[in-house]
Amino acid sequence: MHSNLRRLSTPLLFAALLCCRSMGQTNNKASGFLIESNRPLVYLHAVRLGLGLPEEDGKRHKRIWLELHDNCSLPIALVVNGAPSGDSPDSVSVMDQVVMDPVFSKPTPAEDLALGPKKMPRDTSFDVGSGYIISPGKFLLFSLPANHFSKRWSIHISFKLDLPAGRGMRDDNAWGGQTEMFLSYSFYDLPVPAQNALNAGSNSWFNTVQ
């Protein structure tokens, strides 16, 4: 009986080793492309919540400052514009699209009350912008109005990989097309202290975790 078990265990052990090796190779490839292997390709890091500078109505409104991180081995490209109303003159605007969360499109009366304001804010959009490149491992600091972060909707920020020269579309159109991507971020992606601050109507919050 022991010899039979030994004969059976040898191929099983070999298969297990092959499986582990395959998983290791996959993880190595992922970690070779991703700078921080346990973080997404591109992600947002919420830095602080505070009152912005006076806007057109003369009032200071809540804004959230975020870092858009490139966590892959290739640069990423996005479209930016001049400083948004409410931020410092040396800042930039990043376009975001406000998208209703389908999960809460038809909430129950109790859920509807807990979800807060129903009116969706305008997207941060502009007709004319300039390209901005975020290098691997770097980030872009920008801000958005705090009302863009709701339990009812998410924001989408578009970006694309900035491929090396010579790998763009071919002149003969034998192949082509552009891969468009976006980062989806919601109220529930904010750090819990930031969520609590917004729920409580606080005008400030600062993230000490970098």
C-alpha atoms as a PDB file:
ATOM      1  CA  MET A   1       0.000   0.000   0.000  1.00  0.00           C
ATOM      2  CA  HIS A   2       2.798   2.413   0.885  1.00  0.00           C
ATOM      3  CA  SER A   3       4.471   1.859  -2.499  1.00  0.00           C
ATOM      4  CA  ASN A   4       1.174   2.611  -4.298  1.00  0.00           C
ATOM      5  CA  LEU A   5       0.797   5.822  -2.341  1.00  0.00           C
ATOM      6  CA  ARG A   6       4.386   6.744  -3.196  1.00  0.00           C
ATOM      7  CA  ARG A   7       3.732   6.132  -6.907  1.00  0.00           C
ATOM      8  CA  LEU A   8       0.591   8.274  -6.748  1.00  0.00           C
ATOM      9  CA  SER A   9       2.177  11.082  -4.758  1.00  0.00           C
ATOM     10  CA  THR A  10       5.093  11.611  -7.160  1.00  0.00           C
ATOM     11  CA  PRO A  11       3.023  12.767 -10.184  1.00  0.00           C
ATOM     12  CA  LEU A  12       0.725  14.781  -7.900  1.00  0.00           C
ATOM     13  CA  LEU A  13       3.713  16.551  -6.378  1.00  0.00           C
ATOM     14  CA  PHE A  14       5.138  17.228  -9.838  1.00  0.00           C
ATOM     15  CA  ALA A  15       1.801  18.708 -10.991  1.00  0.00           C
ATOM     16  CA  ALA A  16       1.639  20.890  -7.895  1.00  0.00           C
ATOM     17  CA  LEU A  17       5.152  22.198  -8.523  1.00  0.00           C
ATOM     18  CA  LEU A  18       4.272  23.026 -12.131  1.00  0.00           C
ATOM     19  CA  CYS A  19       1.152  24.855 -10.962  1.00  0.00           C
ATOM     20  CA  CYS A  20       3.127  26.876  -8.429  1.00  0.00           C
ATOM     21  CA  ARG A  21       5.750  27.701 -11.047  1.00  0.00           C
ATOM     22  CA  SER A  22       3.052  28.849 -13.494  1.00  0.00           C
ATOM     23  CA  MET A  23       1.431  31.039 -10.837  1.00  0.00           C
ATOM     24  CA  GLY A  24       4.803  32.470  -9.941  1.00  0.00           C
ATOM     25  CA  GLN A  25       5.527  33.330 -13.574  1.00  0.00           C
ATOM     26  CA  THR A  26       2.126  35.027 -13.871  1.00  0.00           C
ATOM     27  CA  ASN A  27       2.720  37.033 -10.710  1.00  0.00           C
ATOM     28  CA  ASN A  28       6.198  38.000 -11.908  1.00  0.00           C
ATOM     29  CA  LYS A  29       4.768  39.272 -15.184  1.00  0.00           C
ATOM     30  CA  ALA A  30       2.113  41.271 -13.309  1.00  0.00           C
ATOM     31  CA  SER A  31       4.628  42.672 -10.858  1.00  0.00           C
ATOM     32  CA  GLY A  32       6.921  43.534 -13.782  1.00  0.00           C
ATOM     33  CA  PHE A  33       4.185  45.690 -15.342  1.00  0.00           C
ATOM     34  CA  LEU A  34       2.711  47.017 -12.113  1.00  0.00           C
ATOM     35  CA  ILE A  35       4.989  49.068  -9.887  1.00  0.00           C
ATOM     36  CA  GLU A  36       3.011  48.221  -6.740  1.00  0.00           C
ATOM     37  CA  SER A  37       1.661  44.731  -7.489  1.00  0.00           C
ATOM     38  CA  ASN A  38      -1.181  45.012  -4.957  1.00  0.00           C
ATOM     39  CA  ARG A  39      -2.534  48.264  -6.415  1.00  0.00           C
ATOM     40  CA  PRO A  40      -4.539  48.944  -9.599  1.00  0.00           C
ATOM     41  CA  LEU A  41      -3.047  49.999 -12.911  1.00  0.00           C
ATOM     42  CA  VAL A  42      -4.149  53.587 -12.253  1.00  0.00           C
ATOM     43  CA  TYR A  43      -5.666  54.764  -8.992  1.00  0.00           C
ATOM     44  CA  LEU A  44      -6.684  57.807  -6.977  1.00  0.00           C
ATOM     45  CA  HIS A  45      -5.308  58.713  -3.561  1.00  0.00           C
ATOM     46  CA  ALA A  46      -7.568  61.151  -1.677  1.00  0.00           C
ATOM     47  CA  VAL A  47      -5.399  63.737   0.089  1.00  0.00           C
ATOM     48  CA  ARG A  48      -7.716  66.209   1.772  1.00  0.00           C
ATOM     49  CA  LEU A  49     -11.135  67.797   1.964  1.00  0.00           C
ATOM     50  CA  GLY A  50     -11.337  71.552   2.441  1.00  0.00           C
ATOM     51  CA  LEU A  51     -12.896  74.826   1.367  1.00  0.00           C
ATOM     52  CA  GLY A  52     -11.649  76.085  -1.967  1.00  0.00           C
ATOM     53  CA  LEU A  53     -10.981  79.668  -2.965  1.00  0.00           C
ATOM     54  CA  PRO A  54     -13.983  81.998  -3.577  1.00  0.00           C
ATOM     55  CA  GLU A  55     -15.776  81.122  -6.811  1.00  0.00           C
ATOM     56  CA  GLU A  56     -17.972  83.128  -9.187  1.00  0.00           C
ATOM     57  CA  ASP A  57     -20.754  83.341  -6.614  1.00  0.00           C
ATOM     58  CA  GLY A  58     -18.286  84.778  -4.083  1.00  0.00           C
ATOM     59  CA  LYS A  59     -18.573  81.706  -1.856  1.00  0.00           C
ATOM     60  CA  ARG A  60     -16.039  79.072  -0.882  1.00  0.00           C
ATOM     61  CA  HIS A  61     -17.217  75.551  -1.647  1.00  0.00           C
ATOM     62  CA  LYS A  62     -15.944  72.179  -0.495  1.00  0.00           C
ATOM     63  CA  ARG A  63     -13.390  70.489  -2.689  1.00  0.00           C
ATOM     64  CA  ILE A  64     -11.500  67.210  -2.484  1.00  0.00           C
ATOM     65  CA  TRP A  65      -7.844  67.092  -3.512  1.00  0.00           C
ATOM     66  CA  LEU A  66      -6.673  63.848  -5.066  1.00  0.00           C
ATOM     67  CA  GLU A  67      -3.566  62.341  -6.594  1.00  0.00           C
ATOM     68  CA  LEU A  68      -3.964  60.413  -9.857  1.00  0.00           C
ATOM     69  CA  HIS A  69      -1.228  57.747  -9.763  1.00  0.00           C
ATOM     70  CA  ASP A  70       0.308  55.865 -12.680  1.00  0.00           C
ATOM     71  CA  ASN A  71       1.112  52.433 -11.234  1.00  0.00           C
ATOM     72  CA  CYS A  72       2.352  50.766 -14.421  1.00  0.00           C
ATOM     73  CA  SER A  73       5.613  50.647 -16.351  1.00  0.00           C
ATOM     74  CA  LEU A  74       4.235  52.840 -19.163  1.00  0.00           C
ATOM     75  CA  PRO A  75       3.355  56.542 -19.000  1.00  0.00           C
ATOM     76  CA  ILE A  76      -0.328  57.441 -19.140  1.00  0.00           C
ATOM     77  CA  ALA A  77      -1.857  60.392 -20.978  1.00  0.00           C
ATOM     78  CA  LEU A  78      -4.926  62.483 -20.176  1.00  0.00           C
ATOM     79  CA  VAL A  79      -6.384  65.855 -21.115  1.00  0.00           C
ATOM     80  CA  VAL A  80      -6.107  68.758 -18.673  1.00  0.00           C
ATOM     81  CA  ASN A  81      -6.940  72.449 -18.668  1.00  0.00           C
ATOM     82  CA  GLY A  82      -6.216  75.527 -16.597  1.00  0.00           C
ATOM     83  CA  ALA A  83      -6.988  75.915 -12.914  1.00  0.00           C
ATOM     84  CA  PRO A  84     -10.603  75.175 -11.986  1.00  0.00           C
ATOM     85  CA  SER A  85     -12.672  77.737 -10.139  1.00  0.00           C
ATOM     86  CA  GLY A  86     -11.998  77.290  -6.424  1.00  0.00           C
ATOM     87  CA  ASP A  87      -8.433  76.009  -6.736  1.00  0.00           C
ATOM     88  CA  SER A  88      -5.052  77.760  -6.785  1.00  0.00           C
ATOM     89  CA  PRO A  89      -3.862  79.457 -10.009  1.00  0.00           C
ATOM     90  CA  ASP A  90      -1.042  76.926 -10.488  1.00  0.00           C
ATOM     91  CA  SER A  91      -3.362  73.896 -10.419  1.00  0.00           C
ATOM     92  CA  VAL A  92      -4.940  72.052 -13.356  1.00  0.00           C
ATOM     93  CA  SER A  93      -8.406  70.818 -14.236  1.00  0.00           C
ATOM     94  CA  VAL A  94      -8.920  67.114 -14.895  1.00  0.00           C
ATOM     95  CA  MET A  95     -12.038  66.131 -16.811  1.00  0.00           C
ATOM     96  CA  ASP A  96     -14.358  63.786 -14.985  1.00  0.00           C
ATOM     97  CA  GLN A  97     -17.721  62.341 -15.989  1.00  0.00           C
ATOM     98  CA  VAL A  98     -20.395  61.986 -13.321  1.00  0.00           C
ATOM     99  CA  VAL A  99     -22.267  58.708 -13.829  1.00  0.00           C
ATOM    100  CA  MET A 100     -25.350  57.503 -11.993  1.00  0.00           C
ATOM    101  CA  ASP A 101     -24.811  54.247 -10.127  1.00  0.00           C
ATOM    102  CA  PRO A 102     -27.296  51.733 -11.608  1.00  0.00           C
ATOM    103  CA  VAL A 103     -27.527  49.937  -8.255  1.00  0.00           C
ATOM    104  CA  PHE A 104     -29.314  52.961  -6.772  1.00  0.00           C
ATOM    105  CA  SER A 105     -31.321  54.015  -9.811  1.00  0.00           C
ATOM    106  CA  LYS A 106     -34.546  52.865  -8.132  1.00  0.00           C
ATOM    107  CA  PRO A 107     -33.932  52.923  -4.374  1.00  0.00           C
ATOM    108  CA  THR A 108     -36.509  52.074  -1.735  1.00  0.00           C
ATOM    109  CA  PRO A 109     -37.909  55.042   0.252  1.00  0.00           C
ATOM    110  CA  ALA A 110     -35.545  54.265   3.154  1.00  0.00           C
ATOM    111  CA  GLU A 111     -32.529  53.986   0.829  1.00  0.00           C
ATOM    112  CA  ASP A 112     -33.551  57.142  -0.994  1.00  0.00           C
ATOM    113  CA  LEU A 113     -33.438  59.135   2.250  1.00  0.00           C
ATOM    114  CA  ALA A 114     -30.036  57.730   3.221  1.00  0.00           C
ATOM    115  CA  LEU A 115     -28.479  58.414  -0.195  1.00  0.00           C
ATOM    116  CA  GLY A 116     -28.634  62.185   0.183  1.00  0.00           C
ATOM    117  CA  PRO A 117     -29.080  64.861  -2.534  1.00  0.00           C
ATOM    118  CA  LYS A 118     -30.584  63.699  -5.818  1.00  0.00           C
ATOM    119  CA  LYS A 119     -29.388  66.430  -8.195  1.00  0.00           C
ATOM    120  CA  MET A 120     -26.312  65.320 -10.101  1.00  0.00           C
ATOM    121  CA  PRO A 121     -23.604  67.963 -10.516  1.00  0.00           C
ATOM    122  CA  ARG A 122     -22.159  68.937 -13.868  1.00  0.00           C
ATOM    123  CA  ASP A 123     -19.175  67.064 -15.215  1.00  0.00           C
ATOM    124  CA  THR A 124     -15.817  68.811 -15.197  1.00  0.00           C
ATOM    125  CA  SER A 125     -15.521  69.209 -18.946  1.00  0.00           C
ATOM    126  CA  PHE A 126     -13.905  71.569 -21.429  1.00  0.00           C
ATOM    127  CA  ASP A 127     -13.764  71.852 -25.206  1.00  0.00           C
ATOM    128  CA  VAL A 128     -10.100  72.801 -25.420  1.00  0.00           C
ATOM    129  CA  GLY A 129      -7.387  71.137 -23.374  1.00  0.00           C
ATOM    130  CA  SER A 130      -3.814  69.991 -23.548  1.00  0.00           C
ATOM    131  CA  GLY A 131      -2.239  66.587 -23.154  1.00  0.00           C
ATOM    132  CA  TYR A 132      -0.595  65.732 -19.854  1.00  0.00           C
ATOM    133  CA  ILE A 133       1.740  62.779 -19.344  1.00  0.00           C
ATOM    134  CA  ILE A 134       2.118  61.050 -15.972  1.00  0.00           C
ATOM    135  CA  SER A 135       5.346  59.058 -15.849  1.00  0.00           C
ATOM    136  CA  PRO A 136       5.488  55.579 -14.290  1.00  0.00           C
ATOM    137  CA  GLY A 137       5.357  55.798 -10.508  1.00  0.00           C
ATOM    138  CA  LYS A 138       4.396  59.504 -10.562  1.00  0.00           C
ATOM    139  CA  PHE A 139       1.111  61.287  -9.910  1.00  0.00           C
ATOM    140  CA  LEU A 140      -0.869  64.410 -10.745  1.00  0.00           C
ATOM    141  CA  LEU A 141      -2.451  66.442  -7.945  1.00  0.00           C
ATOM    142  CA  PHE A 142      -5.822  68.044  -8.725  1.00  0.00           C
ATOM    143  CA  SER A 143      -9.139  68.797  -7.066  1.00  0.00           C
ATOM    144  CA  LEU A 144     -12.832  68.239  -7.716  1.00  0.00           C
ATOM    145  CA  PRO A 145     -15.948  69.698  -6.093  1.00  0.00           C
ATOM    146  CA  ALA A 146     -16.952  67.605  -3.082  1.00  0.00           C
ATOM    147  CA  ASN A 147     -20.467  67.132  -4.488  1.00  0.00           C
ATOM    148  CA  HIS A 148     -18.978  64.946  -7.237  1.00  0.00           C
ATOM    149  CA  PHE A 149     -18.663  62.252  -4.561  1.00  0.00           C
ATOM    150  CA  SER A 150     -22.053  60.817  -3.723  1.00  0.00           C
ATOM    151  CA  LYS A 151     -23.633  57.534  -2.746  1.00  0.00           C
ATOM    152  CA  ARG A 152     -25.808  57.887  -5.855  1.00  0.00           C
ATOM    153  CA  TRP A 153     -23.154  58.318  -8.532  1.00  0.00           C
ATOM    154  CA  SER A 154     -19.520  57.682  -9.450  1.00  0.00           C
ATOM    155  CA  ILE A 155     -16.928  59.630 -11.409  1.00  0.00           C
ATOM    156  CA  HIS A 156     -15.061  58.401 -14.480  1.00  0.00           C
ATOM    157  CA  ILE A 157     -11.650  59.832 -15.444  1.00  0.00           C
ATOM    158  CA  SER A 158     -10.454  58.920 -18.943  1.00  0.00           C
ATOM    159  CA  PHE A 159      -6.839  58.109 -19.766  1.00  0.00           C
ATOM    160  CA  LYS A 160      -4.773  56.066 -22.216  1.00  0.00           C
ATOM    161  CA  LEU A 161      -1.353  54.469 -22.265  1.00  0.00           C
ATOM    162  CA  ASP A 162       1.321  56.669 -23.813  1.00  0.00           C
ATOM    163  CA  LEU A 163       3.035  54.166 -26.106  1.00  0.00           C
ATOM    164  CA  PRO A 164       6.655  54.554 -27.230  1.00  0.00           C
ATOM    165  CA  ALA A 165       7.321  56.345 -30.526  1.00  0.00           C
ATOM    166  CA  GLY A 166       7.041  54.125 -33.581  1.00  0.00           C
ATOM    167  CA  ARG A 167       4.232  51.999 -32.189  1.00  0.00           C
ATOM    168  CA  GLY A 168       1.334  54.148 -33.212  1.00  0.00           C
ATOM    169  CA  MET A 169      -1.115  53.515 -36.055  1.00  0.00           C
ATOM    170  CA  ARG A 170       0.410  52.389 -39.344  1.00  0.00           C
ATOM    171  CA  ASP A 171      -0.036  54.578 -42.425  1.00  0.00           C
ATOM    172  CA  ASP A 172      -1.479  51.742 -44.468  1.00  0.00           C
ATOM    173  CA  ASN A 173      -4.212  51.141 -41.860  1.00  0.00           C
ATOM    174  CA  ALA A 174      -3.356  47.446 -41.705  1.00  0.00           C
ATOM    175  CA  TRP A 175      -4.165  47.772 -38.028  1.00  0.00           C
ATOM    176  CA  GLY A 176      -5.274  50.621 -35.835  1.00  0.00           C
ATOM    177  CA  GLY A 177      -7.673  51.853 -33.205  1.00  0.00           C
ATOM    178  CA  GLN A 178      -7.136  53.475 -29.856  1.00  0.00           C
ATOM    179  CA  THR A 179      -7.723  51.742 -26.534  1.00  0.00           C
ATOM    180  CA  GLU A 180      -9.673  54.149 -24.329  1.00  0.00           C
ATOM    181  CA  MET A 181      -9.782  53.514 -20.588  1.00  0.00           C
ATOM    182  CA  PHE A 182     -11.280  55.192 -17.578  1.00  0.00           C
ATOM    183  CA  LEU A 183     -10.840  55.053 -13.850  1.00  0.00           C
ATOM    184  CA  SER A 184     -14.089  54.606 -11.928  1.00  0.00           C
ATOM    185  CA  TYR A 185     -14.194  56.098  -8.417  1.00  0.00           C
ATOM    186  CA  SER A 186     -17.079  56.510  -5.995  1.00  0.00           C
ATOM    187  CA  PHE A 187     -17.941  57.878  -2.582  1.00  0.00           C
ATOM    188  CA  TYR A 188     -17.245  54.424  -1.164  1.00  0.00           C
ATOM    189  CA  ASP A 189     -13.680  54.502  -2.522  1.00  0.00           C
ATOM    190  CA  LEU A 190     -12.893  57.495  -0.320  1.00  0.00           C
ATOM    191  CA  PRO A 191     -11.132  56.734   2.977  1.00  0.00           C
ATOM    192  CA  VAL A 192     -13.661  56.119   5.740  1.00  0.00           C
ATOM    193  CA  PRO A 193     -12.692  59.315   7.644  1.00  0.00           C
ATOM    194  CA  ALA A 194     -13.391  61.301   4.476  1.00  0.00           C
ATOM    195  CA  GLN A 195     -16.777  59.589   4.071  1.00  0.00           C
ATOM    196  CA  ASN A 196     -17.593  60.389   7.703  1.00  0.00           C
ATOM    197  CA  ALA A 197     -16.553  64.017   7.225  1.00  0.00           C
ATOM    198  CA  LEU A 198     -18.840  64.397   4.201  1.00  0.00           C
ATOM    199  CA  ASN A 199     -21.728  62.677   6.004  1.00  0.00           C
ATOM    200  CA  ALA A 200     -21.270  65.004   8.978  1.00  0.00           C
ATOM    201  CA  GLY A 201     -21.067  68.114   6.816  1.00  0.00           C
ATOM    202  CA  SER A 202     -17.510  68.852   7.944  1.00  0.00           C
ATOM    203  CA  ASN A 203     -15.475  71.401   5.998  1.00  0.00           C
ATOM    204  CA  SER A 204     -12.124  69.731   6.467  1.00  0.00           C
ATOM    205  CA  TRP A 205     -10.312  66.404   6.514  1.00  0.00           C
ATOM    206  CA  PHE A 206      -6.696  65.455   5.837  1.00  0.00           C
ATOM    207  CA  ASN A 207      -5.212  62.075   4.901  1.00  0.00           C
ATOM    208  CA  THR A 208      -1.905  61.385   6.633  1.00  0.00           C
ATOM    209  CA  VAL A 209      -1.477  58.012   4.857  1.00  0.00           C
ATOM    210  CA  GLN A 210       0.697  58.359   1.748  1.00  0.00           C
END
